[in-house]
């Protein structure tokens, strides 16, 4: 492709009603329209500057998904913690606890729950929240290699301890802990094999499942369709499904079928300044060449879903299989939130992606945690509680946890000011 960037518009025909057991399944034949090439011009937009700082070195290069949170010890605990899992021996949970005392630099101390997972289990999917209502944070993790299991851990004041687990039908790349059925209580939603698992707390771990008939990896919960009260659940692999609790049963709609590049991670947020409401964002990738697209954005348009997709890789080796994404307000240069995307390949560079008010897509290359390594996880949030500016974010890669933030003070480039920093990035964004 060279410097050519592919922009793809994905349209959707009206759904056809089908029936299947106790599920109402809508199937729509997708249409791929308006394929168009753009050539990258010389970047001219004002640049944001992203500074980075290494927070942690893992014993292996296989740290996976990541989450940021606080209130681990109850509602009065404002200590910020970063949690991830390591999929190679020793397979464990890694918790980074904020020990900063103020200022622009952050400092974290690590603790680990060693040998938490069985040999060969490769934990990856991850989310956190108060599952059992005791005010202590719980952690959910899933494995990508047999034995396939969904795990529940609980914070005991200093570390995560195992509470329960259950078998699932396939790999768990992602978990979303959210109120997907709009009953006021959060559940854990986990795609695994061709199933969507819904894990609830009822004096223990209770599991339900929906067979979607297609392998799925990505999961997101949020409100994209204004015609449906509350949240919807979005699940994707080579197909994209909308799952909605209508008060008596789970209603399933096939939004799109036949992605040439499967979706690996998903999130709902407001990423398009030119449209009202939230969008669903998917990151795509595969090992086969060539890639067709690497990110797609799905909006509700009057009476159907509308998808747009972009590709920025200049080399077909930059596949983003097993990649991750997160939506956060990490820069003041754009009117809405940005999408941080990382890819499961040594040649896939982490990027910021965002849409301008006219729908133009931009991407901004980011420094890697370690050169020529694979990044599997990203999360954004308030990591430095002593600043009230923008979200910061962390990326897992090459055994490192790397902290990123937009530079909010124009510092002189001296070794004293930048002690502890390992990389800086200040290139202008590139239009797609």
Protein backbone atom coordinates (compact mmCIF):
# COMPACT_ATOMS: atom_id res chain seq x y z
CA UNK A 1 0.00 0.00 0.00
CA UNK A 2 2.95 2.37 0.52
CA UNK A 3 1.63 5.65 1.87
CA UNK A 4 -1.91 4.97 0.73
CA UNK A 5 -4.52 4.81 3.45
CA UNK A 6 -7.70 2.86 2.95
CA UNK A 7 -11.02 4.34 4.13
CA UNK A 8 -14.00 2.04 3.97
CA UNK A 9 -17.71 2.81 4.51
CA UNK A 10 -19.74 -0.10 5.75
CA UNK A 11 -23.48 0.19 5.17
CA UNK A 12 -26.25 -1.97 6.61
CA UNK A 13 -29.49 -3.16 5.10
CA UNK A 14 -32.66 -3.42 7.14
CA UNK A 15 -32.78 -6.57 9.31
CA UNK A 16 -34.76 -9.69 8.56
CA UNK A 17 -36.54 -11.29 11.52
CA UNK A 18 -35.63 -14.89 12.30
CA UNK A 19 -36.43 -17.09 15.26
CA UNK A 20 -34.19 -19.39 17.31
CA UNK A 21 -35.36 -20.94 20.54
CA UNK A 22 -35.83 -18.38 23.29
CA UNK A 23 -33.72 -15.81 21.43
CA UNK A 24 -34.92 -13.32 18.88
CA UNK A 25 -32.18 -13.13 16.23
CA UNK A 26 -32.09 -10.49 13.53
CA UNK A 27 -29.80 -11.19 10.61
CA UNK A 28 -28.72 -8.48 8.20
CA UNK A 29 -26.87 -8.95 4.94
CA UNK A 30 -24.07 -6.37 5.01
CA UNK A 31 -23.06 -4.18 2.10
CA UNK A 32 -19.53 -2.91 1.61
CA UNK A 33 -19.73 0.43 -0.17
CA UNK A 34 -17.64 3.42 -1.17
CA UNK A 35 -14.15 1.94 -0.92
CA UNK A 36 -11.77 4.83 -1.45
CA UNK A 37 -8.04 5.51 -1.36
CA UNK A 38 -6.45 8.52 0.29
CA UNK A 39 -2.83 9.59 0.10
CA UNK A 40 -1.15 10.87 3.25
CA UNK A 41 -0.06 14.47 2.81
CA UNK A 42 2.65 16.25 4.76
CA UNK A 43 1.43 16.56 8.38
CA UNK A 44 0.62 20.16 9.24
CA UNK A 45 -1.71 20.07 12.26
CA UNK A 46 -0.51 21.29 15.63
CA UNK A 47 1.20 18.46 17.45
CA UNK A 48 0.42 17.08 20.84
CA UNK A 49 3.45 15.92 22.81
CA UNK A 50 3.22 12.60 24.64
CA UNK A 51 5.74 11.93 27.38
CA UNK A 52 6.35 8.45 28.74
CA UNK A 53 7.71 6.84 31.87
CA UNK A 54 8.44 3.20 32.64
CA UNK A 55 6.55 1.94 35.69
CA UNK A 56 7.37 -1.77 35.82
CA UNK A 57 9.54 -4.54 34.34
CA UNK A 58 7.91 -7.98 34.27
CA UNK A 59 9.88 -11.22 34.43
CA UNK A 60 8.60 -12.14 30.94
CA UNK A 61 7.30 -10.24 27.92
CA UNK A 62 3.80 -11.69 28.29
CA UNK A 63 1.79 -9.21 30.35
CA UNK A 64 -1.67 -8.90 28.84
CA UNK A 65 -4.84 -6.86 29.41
CA UNK A 66 -4.81 -4.12 32.07
CA UNK A 67 -7.20 -2.08 34.21
CA UNK A 68 -6.87 1.06 36.37
CA UNK A 69 -8.95 1.57 39.51
CA UNK A 70 -9.23 2.70 43.09
CA UNK A 71 -11.42 1.92 46.16
CA UNK A 72 -9.76 -1.50 46.41
CA UNK A 73 -10.16 -1.36 50.20
CA UNK A 74 -13.56 0.33 50.17
CA UNK A 75 -15.12 3.67 49.18
CA UNK A 76 -12.68 5.71 51.30
CA UNK A 77 -9.59 4.26 49.63
CA UNK A 78 -8.48 6.71 46.92
CA UNK A 79 -5.19 4.93 46.17
CA UNK A 80 -4.82 4.34 42.44
CA UNK A 81 -3.83 0.84 41.36
CA UNK A 82 -2.96 -0.70 38.00
CA UNK A 83 -3.72 -4.41 37.56
CA UNK A 84 -2.56 -6.77 34.82
CA UNK A 85 -1.92 -10.50 34.31
CA UNK A 86 1.18 -12.36 33.17
CA UNK A 87 0.45 -15.30 30.89
CA UNK A 88 3.83 -17.09 31.02
CA UNK A 89 5.33 -18.83 34.04
CA UNK A 90 4.96 -17.75 36.75
CA UNK A 91 1.35 -17.07 35.70
CA UNK A 92 0.20 -14.37 38.07
CA UNK A 93 -1.68 -11.16 38.79
CA UNK A 94 0.50 -8.04 38.98
CA UNK A 95 -0.77 -5.08 41.02
CA UNK A 96 0.96 -1.70 40.86
CA UNK A 97 0.08 0.59 43.78
CA UNK A 98 0.54 4.36 43.59
CA UNK A 99 3.09 5.65 46.11
CA UNK A 100 3.45 9.14 44.58
CA UNK A 101 3.58 12.14 46.89
CA UNK A 102 2.74 14.88 44.39
CA UNK A 103 3.94 16.64 41.27
CA UNK A 104 4.06 15.59 37.65
CA UNK A 105 5.93 12.31 38.13
CA UNK A 106 4.26 9.11 39.34
CA UNK A 107 5.71 6.26 41.34
CA UNK A 108 4.21 2.78 41.72
CA UNK A 109 5.13 -0.20 43.86
CA UNK A 110 4.42 -3.71 42.57
CA UNK A 111 2.99 -6.77 44.30
CA UNK A 112 2.25 -10.11 42.66
CA UNK A 113 -0.04 -13.07 43.23
CA UNK A 114 2.40 -15.77 42.11
CA UNK A 115 1.37 -19.04 40.45
CA UNK A 116 -2.26 -17.97 40.54
CA UNK A 117 -3.20 -19.79 37.33
CA UNK A 118 -2.62 -23.43 36.30
CA UNK A 119 0.35 -24.32 34.14
CA UNK A 120 -0.29 -23.62 30.47
CA UNK A 121 -3.44 -21.58 31.11
CA UNK A 122 -2.22 -18.21 29.68
CA UNK A 123 -4.48 -15.66 31.43
CA UNK A 124 -5.37 -12.65 29.27
CA UNK A 125 -8.90 -11.18 29.52
CA UNK A 126 -9.33 -8.93 32.56
CA UNK A 127 -11.66 -6.51 34.34
CA UNK A 128 -12.29 -5.31 37.90
CA UNK A 129 -15.18 -4.16 40.09
CA UNK A 130 -17.09 -4.90 43.30
CA UNK A 131 -18.72 -8.19 42.30
CA UNK A 132 -20.14 -9.39 45.63
CA UNK A 133 -21.08 -6.05 47.22
CA UNK A 134 -18.60 -6.14 50.12
CA UNK A 135 -16.83 -2.90 49.02
CA UNK A 136 -13.59 -4.73 48.18
CA UNK A 137 -12.54 -4.81 44.54
CA UNK A 138 -12.87 -8.12 42.69
CA UNK A 139 -10.90 -9.18 39.62
CA UNK A 140 -12.07 -11.32 36.70
CA UNK A 141 -9.64 -13.07 34.39
CA UNK A 142 -9.94 -15.53 31.53
CA UNK A 143 -7.50 -17.85 29.80
CA UNK A 144 -6.70 -18.18 26.09
CA UNK A 145 -5.26 -21.72 26.12
CA UNK A 146 -6.81 -24.89 27.56
CA UNK A 147 -7.90 -25.33 30.29
CA UNK A 148 -10.31 -22.54 29.32
CA UNK A 149 -11.70 -20.99 32.50
CA UNK A 150 -13.21 -17.81 33.88
CA UNK A 151 -11.64 -16.83 37.23
CA UNK A 152 -12.88 -14.67 40.09
CA UNK A 153 -10.43 -13.16 42.59
CA UNK A 154 -10.97 -10.76 45.49
CA UNK A 155 -8.73 -8.11 47.02
CA UNK A 156 -7.94 -8.96 50.67
CA UNK A 157 -6.32 -5.65 51.60
CA UNK A 158 -2.87 -6.43 50.24
CA UNK A 159 -3.30 -8.86 47.34
CA UNK A 160 -5.77 -10.78 45.18
CA UNK A 161 -6.88 -14.19 46.40
CA UNK A 162 -8.86 -16.80 44.39
CA UNK A 163 -12.58 -17.10 45.11
CA UNK A 164 -14.06 -19.28 42.34
CA UNK A 165 -13.80 -20.28 38.68
CA UNK A 166 -15.91 -21.91 36.00
CA UNK A 167 -15.20 -23.66 32.71
CA UNK A 168 -15.94 -21.95 29.38
CA UNK A 169 -15.96 -23.13 25.78
CA UNK A 170 -12.92 -21.30 24.40
CA UNK A 171 -10.37 -18.52 24.73
CA UNK A 172 -11.23 -15.39 26.71
CA UNK A 173 -9.46 -12.35 25.27
CA UNK A 174 -11.65 -9.71 26.91
CA UNK A 175 -14.05 -9.23 29.81
CA UNK A 176 -16.44 -6.33 30.44
CA UNK A 177 -17.86 -5.74 33.93
CA UNK A 178 -20.92 -3.56 33.43
CA UNK A 179 -24.70 -3.36 33.76
CA UNK A 180 -25.58 -4.95 30.46
CA UNK A 181 -29.17 -5.93 31.30
CA UNK A 182 -30.07 -2.54 32.86
CA UNK A 183 -31.22 -3.93 36.20
CA UNK A 184 -28.97 -1.66 38.28
CA UNK A 185 -26.41 -4.40 39.01
CA UNK A 186 -23.21 -5.09 37.09
CA UNK A 187 -22.34 -8.45 35.60
CA UNK A 188 -19.22 -9.82 33.93
CA UNK A 189 -19.62 -10.32 30.16
CA UNK A 190 -17.12 -12.61 28.49
CA UNK A 191 -16.96 -13.83 24.87
CA UNK A 192 -15.52 -17.35 24.67
CA UNK A 193 -15.59 -19.60 21.63
CA UNK A 194 -18.96 -19.01 19.98
CA UNK A 195 -20.62 -18.11 23.29
CA UNK A 196 -21.26 -14.94 25.24
CA UNK A 197 -21.01 -15.80 28.94
CA UNK A 198 -22.81 -13.67 31.52
CA UNK A 199 -21.45 -14.18 35.04
CA UNK A 200 -23.46 -12.88 38.01
CA UNK A 201 -23.09 -12.98 41.77
CA UNK A 202 -25.82 -14.83 43.67
CA UNK A 203 -24.19 -16.09 46.87
CA UNK A 204 -21.47 -17.30 44.53
CA UNK A 205 -20.61 -17.34 40.86
CA UNK A 206 -23.57 -18.00 38.53
CA UNK A 207 -23.07 -18.43 34.78
CA UNK A 208 -25.45 -18.03 31.83
CA UNK A 209 -24.54 -18.31 28.14
CA UNK A 210 -25.81 -17.34 24.69
CA UNK A 211 -24.66 -19.30 21.64
CA UNK A 212 -23.97 -16.77 18.87
CA UNK A 213 -22.91 -19.41 16.34
CA UNK A 214 -19.69 -17.60 15.47
CA UNK A 215 -16.33 -17.29 17.25
CA UNK A 216 -16.14 -14.02 19.18
CA UNK A 217 -13.29 -12.17 20.92
CA UNK A 218 -14.35 -8.56 21.57
CA UNK A 219 -16.89 -7.26 24.11
CA UNK A 220 -18.26 -3.81 24.94
CA UNK A 221 -21.22 -2.56 26.96
CA UNK A 222 -22.75 0.88 26.46
CA UNK A 223 -25.53 2.96 24.91
CA UNK A 224 -25.13 3.39 21.14
CA UNK A 225 -28.72 2.87 19.98
CA UNK A 226 -30.98 5.67 21.35
CA UNK A 227 -34.09 3.66 20.48
CA UNK A 228 -33.22 1.07 23.14
CA UNK A 229 -33.43 2.24 26.78
CA UNK A 230 -30.20 1.78 28.72
CA UNK A 231 -27.15 -0.17 27.62
CA UNK A 232 -26.60 -2.69 24.86
CA UNK A 233 -23.98 -5.45 24.77
CA UNK A 234 -21.76 -5.65 21.67
CA UNK A 235 -19.83 -8.83 20.83
CA UNK A 236 -17.57 -9.29 17.81
CA UNK A 237 -15.18 -11.59 15.99
CA UNK A 238 -15.66 -12.12 12.26
CA UNK A 239 -19.26 -11.00 12.88
CA UNK A 240 -20.60 -8.11 14.98
CA UNK A 241 -23.59 -8.76 17.27
CA UNK A 242 -25.81 -6.50 19.34
CA UNK A 243 -27.25 -8.30 22.39
CA UNK A 244 -30.02 -6.59 24.38
CA UNK A 245 -32.14 -7.65 27.36
CA UNK A 246 -35.72 -6.64 26.47
CA UNK A 247 -37.16 -7.46 29.88
CA UNK A 248 -37.94 -11.11 29.22
CA UNK A 249 -35.20 -12.49 26.96
CA UNK A 250 -31.92 -11.66 25.26
CA UNK A 251 -32.55 -10.14 21.83
CA UNK A 252 -29.66 -10.69 19.37
CA UNK A 253 -29.06 -8.70 16.20
CA UNK A 254 -26.33 -9.46 13.66
CA UNK A 255 -25.10 -5.98 12.74
CA UNK A 256 -22.39 -7.13 10.34
CA UNK A 257 -21.15 -10.51 9.12
CA UNK A 258 -17.94 -11.49 7.39
CA UNK A 259 -15.18 -9.18 8.62
CA UNK A 260 -12.09 -10.06 6.59
CA UNK A 261 -10.06 -8.91 9.60
CA UNK A 262 -11.70 -10.11 12.85
CA UNK A 263 -12.42 -7.74 15.71
CA UNK A 264 -10.25 -8.34 18.79
CA UNK A 265 -11.25 -5.60 21.20
CA UNK A 266 -14.14 -3.14 21.56
CA UNK A 267 -15.32 -0.16 23.59
CA UNK A 268 -18.23 2.31 23.59
CA UNK A 269 -17.65 6.06 23.90
CA UNK A 270 -18.10 9.46 22.27
CA UNK A 271 -15.36 9.58 19.64
CA UNK A 272 -17.07 11.49 16.80
CA UNK A 273 -17.61 15.23 17.33
CA UNK A 274 -19.79 15.40 14.23
CA UNK A 275 -22.42 12.99 15.57
CA UNK A 276 -24.65 12.95 18.62
CA UNK A 277 -24.21 10.18 21.17
CA UNK A 278 -21.80 7.31 21.59
CA UNK A 279 -20.06 5.16 19.05
CA UNK A 280 -18.80 1.58 19.18
CA UNK A 281 -15.12 1.22 18.28
CA UNK A 282 -13.52 -2.08 17.20
CA UNK A 283 -9.88 -2.89 16.54
CA UNK A 284 -9.24 -5.46 13.80
CA UNK A 285 -6.35 -7.66 12.77
CA UNK A 286 -5.10 -11.01 11.49
CA UNK A 287 -1.83 -12.70 10.59
CA UNK A 288 -2.69 -13.17 6.91
CA UNK A 289 -1.95 -10.43 4.38
CA UNK A 290 -3.12 -7.98 3.32
CA UNK A 291 -5.07 -6.20 6.04
CA UNK A 292 -8.32 -4.56 4.92
CA UNK A 293 -8.86 -2.37 7.98
CA UNK A 294 -7.49 -1.91 11.50
CA UNK A 295 -10.20 0.09 13.25
CA UNK A 296 -13.92 0.54 12.67
CA UNK A 297 -16.38 3.00 14.22
CA UNK A 298 -20.08 2.15 14.43
CA UNK A 299 -22.82 4.75 14.93
CA UNK A 300 -26.59 4.71 15.06
CA UNK A 301 -28.06 6.47 12.01
CA UNK A 302 -31.84 7.04 12.38
CA UNK A 303 -32.93 3.40 12.03
CA UNK A 304 -29.81 1.28 11.54
CA UNK A 305 -26.15 0.92 12.43
CA UNK A 306 -23.55 2.54 10.21
CA UNK A 307 -19.91 1.47 10.16
CA UNK A 308 -16.77 3.19 8.91
CA UNK A 309 -13.34 1.56 8.82
CA UNK A 310 -9.75 2.75 8.44
CA UNK A 311 -6.34 1.29 7.73
CA UNK A 312 -3.05 3.06 8.44
CA UNK A 313 -0.38 0.34 8.25
CA UNK A 314 2.22 1.00 5.58
CA UNK A 315 3.42 -2.61 5.71
CA UNK A 316 1.35 -5.77 5.52
CA UNK A 317 3.43 -7.16 8.39
CA UNK A 318 1.79 -4.66 10.77
CA UNK A 319 -1.04 -7.00 11.67
CA UNK A 320 -3.06 -6.16 14.77
CA UNK A 321 -4.37 -9.61 15.71
CA UNK A 322 -4.99 -9.99 19.45
CA UNK A 323 -4.68 -6.22 19.87
CA UNK A 324 -6.46 -4.02 22.40
CA UNK A 325 -8.01 -0.56 22.52
CA UNK A 326 -9.26 1.94 25.08
CA UNK A 327 -11.17 5.23 24.79
CA UNK A 328 -9.97 8.17 26.88
CA UNK A 329 -9.68 11.95 26.87
CA UNK A 330 -5.89 11.97 26.66
CA UNK A 331 -5.23 15.10 24.55
CA UNK A 332 -6.56 18.67 24.47
CA UNK A 333 -6.02 18.93 20.71
CA UNK A 334 -9.26 17.10 19.80
CA UNK A 335 -12.89 17.95 20.74
CA UNK A 336 -13.84 14.40 21.79
CA UNK A 337 -12.13 11.38 23.29
CA UNK A 338 -9.31 9.58 21.54
CA UNK A 339 -8.84 5.84 20.96
CA UNK A 340 -5.55 4.25 21.99
CA UNK A 341 -4.88 1.13 19.91
CA UNK A 342 -2.16 -1.46 20.43
CA UNK A 343 -1.47 -4.49 18.25
CA UNK A 344 -0.40 -8.07 18.86
CA UNK A 345 2.65 -7.89 16.62
CA UNK A 346 6.24 -6.77 17.04
CA UNK A 347 5.84 -4.51 14.01
CA UNK A 348 2.50 -2.99 15.09
CA UNK A 349 3.08 0.48 16.54
CA UNK A 350 0.74 1.78 19.30
CA UNK A 351 -1.29 4.74 18.05
CA UNK A 352 -3.79 7.40 19.03
CA UNK A 353 -6.79 7.47 16.68
CA UNK A 354 -9.49 10.13 16.59
CA UNK A 355 -12.15 11.67 14.36
CA UNK A 356 -12.42 15.37 13.58
CA UNK A 357 -15.77 17.18 13.47
CA UNK A 358 -16.08 16.49 9.73
CA UNK A 359 -15.44 12.76 10.19
CA UNK A 360 -11.81 12.85 9.07
CA UNK A 361 -9.74 10.17 10.78
CA UNK A 362 -6.32 10.90 12.25
CA UNK A 363 -3.66 8.72 13.78
CA UNK A 364 -0.66 9.59 15.90
CA UNK A 365 2.18 7.07 16.34
CA UNK A 366 3.24 6.43 19.94
CA UNK A 367 6.50 5.11 21.37
CA UNK A 368 6.52 1.42 22.22
CA UNK A 369 7.21 0.19 25.77
CA UNK A 370 10.18 -1.65 24.28
CA UNK A 371 11.39 -1.56 20.69
CA UNK A 372 10.19 -4.36 18.41
CA UNK A 373 7.96 -6.01 21.01
CA UNK A 374 4.30 -6.97 21.16
CA UNK A 375 1.72 -4.89 23.04
CA UNK A 376 -1.34 -6.73 24.37
CA UNK A 377 -3.05 -4.28 26.72
CA UNK A 378 -3.96 -0.61 27.19
CA UNK A 379 -6.08 1.34 29.68
CA UNK A 380 -6.70 5.06 30.29
CA UNK A 381 -7.80 6.92 33.41
CA UNK A 382 -6.73 9.23 36.21
CA UNK A 383 -3.36 7.72 37.05
CA UNK A 384 -1.77 10.82 38.60
CA UNK A 385 -4.25 12.02 41.24
CA UNK A 386 -2.20 15.16 41.85
CA UNK A 387 -2.99 16.55 38.41
CA UNK A 388 -6.40 17.52 37.05
CA UNK A 389 -5.75 17.80 33.36
CA UNK A 390 -6.37 14.87 31.04
CA UNK A 391 -6.54 11.11 31.28
CA UNK A 392 -3.24 9.31 31.31
CA UNK A 393 -2.81 5.79 29.99
CA UNK A 394 -0.63 2.71 30.29
CA UNK A 395 0.45 0.19 27.65
CA UNK A 396 1.64 -3.37 28.32
CA UNK A 397 4.46 -4.49 26.05
CA UNK A 398 7.79 -6.29 26.03
CA UNK A 399 7.53 -7.02 29.74
CA UNK A 400 7.17 -3.29 30.49
CA UNK A 401 4.31 -1.21 31.85
CA UNK A 402 4.76 2.18 30.19
CA UNK A 403 2.94 5.30 31.44
CA UNK A 404 1.91 7.98 28.91
CA UNK A 405 0.61 11.51 29.40
CA UNK A 406 0.22 14.62 27.32
CA UNK A 407 2.82 17.19 28.29
CA UNK A 408 0.97 19.86 30.23
CA UNK A 409 4.01 21.89 31.31
CA UNK A 410 6.53 23.11 28.74
CA UNK A 411 9.62 21.85 30.50
CA UNK A 412 13.19 22.53 29.47
CA UNK A 413 14.72 19.37 28.10
CA UNK A 414 17.23 18.76 30.86
CA UNK A 415 18.31 15.47 32.35
CA UNK A 416 17.02 16.61 35.75
CA UNK A 417 13.52 17.39 34.48
CA UNK A 418 13.30 14.15 32.55
CA UNK A 419 14.96 11.78 34.95
CA UNK A 420 13.08 8.50 34.71
CA UNK A 421 11.64 9.23 31.27
CA UNK A 422 12.70 6.81 28.57
CA UNK A 423 10.99 8.19 25.47
CA UNK A 424 9.19 11.23 24.13
CA UNK A 425 6.99 11.58 21.07
CA UNK A 426 5.99 14.85 19.44
CA UNK A 427 5.14 14.23 15.80
CA UNK A 428 2.13 15.84 14.15
CA UNK A 429 -0.99 13.74 13.56
CA UNK A 430 -1.44 12.20 10.14
CA UNK A 431 -4.78 12.37 8.35
CA UNK A 432 -6.28 9.11 7.14
